[in-house]
Amino acid sequence: MAVKRIIANVASPDTSKAKSFYSDVLGMDLVMDHGWIVTFAGERGAMAQVNIAAEGGAGTPVPDLSIEVDNLEEVLERVRAKALAIEYGPANEDWGVRRFFVRDPFGRLVNILQHA
């Protein structure tokens, strides 16, 4: 038996708000839309992981989602263009990542990171 993928589920009565963040900011593809549920996906072959944390590192709160990108500066530009509030960072962390925290349209704290 092997875990094939892990999917984060975010509850919202209005799924239409997701596109402005997950597609426009993060560049994820809309791969399913049933109205009551929409699914955005990144590159095929992404690893499935689950984090269990007492804190978010560097004294930050535990984020709801962590999304690794290949160009953090590009995502930062998109976040700033949409005037989204950055709640932490950008910061170069001792464990080898550059990251920042921002909230998605549903209030979830998202850790956007790139490995150094």
Protein backbone atom coordinates (compact mmCIF):
# COMPACT_ATOMS: atom_id res chain seq x y z
CA MET A 1 0.00 0.00 0.00
CA ALA A 2 1.25 3.49 -0.86
CA VAL A 3 -0.24 6.91 -0.26
CA LYS A 4 -0.78 8.42 -3.72
CA ARG A 5 -1.70 11.95 -2.67
CA ILE A 6 -2.86 14.08 0.22
CA ILE A 7 -5.48 16.73 -0.38
CA ALA A 8 -6.12 19.73 1.85
CA ASN A 9 -9.84 20.52 2.16
CA VAL A 10 -10.88 24.10 2.94
CA ALA A 11 -14.55 24.66 3.83
CA SER A 12 -16.30 27.63 2.22
CA PRO A 13 -19.86 28.42 1.16
CA ASP A 14 -18.46 30.31 -1.90
CA THR A 15 -15.96 28.29 -3.92
CA SER A 16 -15.72 30.99 -6.61
CA LYS A 17 -13.36 33.04 -4.43
CA ALA A 18 -10.66 30.39 -4.78
CA LYS A 19 -9.58 31.29 -8.33
CA SER A 20 -8.25 34.74 -7.41
CA PHE A 21 -5.74 33.21 -5.00
CA TYR A 22 -4.98 29.64 -5.99
CA SER A 23 -4.96 30.23 -9.76
CA ASP A 24 -4.13 33.93 -10.20
CA VAL A 25 -1.54 34.21 -7.39
CA LEU A 26 -0.11 30.69 -7.22
CA GLY A 27 -0.60 29.68 -10.84
CA MET A 28 -2.36 26.41 -9.99
CA ASP A 29 -4.64 24.82 -12.59
CA LEU A 30 -8.36 24.35 -12.00
CA VAL A 31 -8.64 20.60 -12.56
CA MET A 32 -12.17 19.96 -11.28
CA ASP A 33 -15.26 22.12 -10.80
CA HIS A 34 -18.53 20.63 -9.61
CA GLY A 35 -19.83 23.94 -8.27
CA TRP A 36 -19.89 22.72 -4.67
CA ILE A 37 -16.20 21.72 -4.86
CA VAL A 38 -13.31 23.06 -6.93
CA THR A 39 -9.87 21.49 -7.09
CA PHE A 40 -6.66 23.26 -8.02
CA ALA A 41 -3.50 21.32 -8.76
CA GLY A 42 0.11 22.11 -9.37
CA GLU A 43 2.74 20.13 -11.18
CA ARG A 44 2.15 16.40 -11.54
CA GLY A 45 4.31 14.23 -9.36
CA ALA A 46 4.26 16.54 -6.33
CA MET A 47 5.03 14.73 -3.09
CA ALA A 48 2.32 14.00 -0.55
CA GLN A 49 3.22 15.16 2.95
CA VAL A 50 1.54 15.84 6.28
CA ASN A 51 3.08 18.18 8.87
CA ILE A 52 2.26 17.89 12.58
CA ALA A 53 3.60 20.98 14.36
CA ALA A 54 3.57 22.71 17.74
CA GLU A 55 4.51 26.02 16.06
CA GLY A 56 5.17 27.33 12.59
CA GLY A 57 8.91 27.85 13.10
CA ALA A 58 10.67 31.07 14.11
CA GLY A 59 7.93 31.62 16.68
CA THR A 60 5.14 31.85 14.09
CA PRO A 61 1.70 30.24 14.33
CA VAL A 62 1.20 26.90 12.58
CA PRO A 63 -0.03 27.69 9.06
CA ASP A 64 -3.06 25.87 7.69
CA LEU A 65 -1.30 25.11 4.40
CA SER A 66 2.31 25.10 3.22
CA ILE A 67 2.85 25.53 -0.50
CA GLU A 68 6.31 25.15 -2.00
CA VAL A 69 6.92 27.15 -5.18
CA ASP A 70 9.82 27.35 -7.61
CA ASN A 71 9.89 31.18 -7.75
CA LEU A 72 9.02 32.88 -4.48
CA GLU A 73 9.75 36.38 -5.79
CA GLU A 74 7.19 35.95 -8.58
CA VAL A 75 4.51 34.88 -6.10
CA LEU A 76 5.45 37.82 -3.83
CA GLU A 77 4.90 40.19 -6.77
CA ARG A 78 1.47 38.67 -7.43
CA VAL A 79 0.51 38.92 -3.74
CA ARG A 80 1.57 42.57 -3.63
CA ALA A 81 -0.25 43.34 -6.90
CA LYS A 82 -3.46 42.05 -5.30
CA ALA A 83 -2.71 44.10 -2.16
CA LEU A 84 -2.88 41.01 0.05
CA ALA A 85 -1.50 41.47 3.55
CA ILE A 86 1.71 39.57 4.22
CA GLU A 87 1.50 38.35 7.82
CA TYR A 88 5.08 37.13 8.15
CA GLY A 89 8.23 37.58 6.11
CA PRO A 90 9.52 37.30 3.58
CA ALA A 91 12.20 35.64 5.68
CA ASN A 92 15.26 33.50 5.06
CA GLU A 93 14.98 30.77 7.68
CA ASP A 94 17.85 28.91 9.36
CA TRP A 95 16.53 25.57 8.02
CA GLY A 96 17.12 26.57 4.39
CA VAL A 97 13.88 28.06 3.12
CA ARG A 98 12.75 31.54 2.14
CA ARG A 99 9.07 32.05 2.94
CA PHE A 100 6.19 34.32 3.79
CA PHE A 101 2.70 33.92 5.23
CA VAL A 102 -0.47 35.26 3.62
CA ARG A 103 -4.16 34.45 4.10
CA ASP A 104 -6.22 32.96 1.31
CA PRO A 105 -9.75 34.32 0.63
CA PHE A 106 -11.15 31.91 3.22
CA GLY A 107 -8.96 33.14 6.07
CA ARG A 108 -6.55 30.20 6.00
CA LEU A 109 -2.96 31.03 6.87
CA VAL A 110 -0.76 29.91 3.96
CA ASN A 111 2.99 29.42 4.25
CA ILE A 112 4.47 30.01 0.79
CA LEU A 113 8.05 28.80 0.60
CA GLN A 114 11.00 28.07 -1.64
CA HIS A 115 13.98 25.95 -0.68
CA ALA A 116 17.30 27.77 -0.93
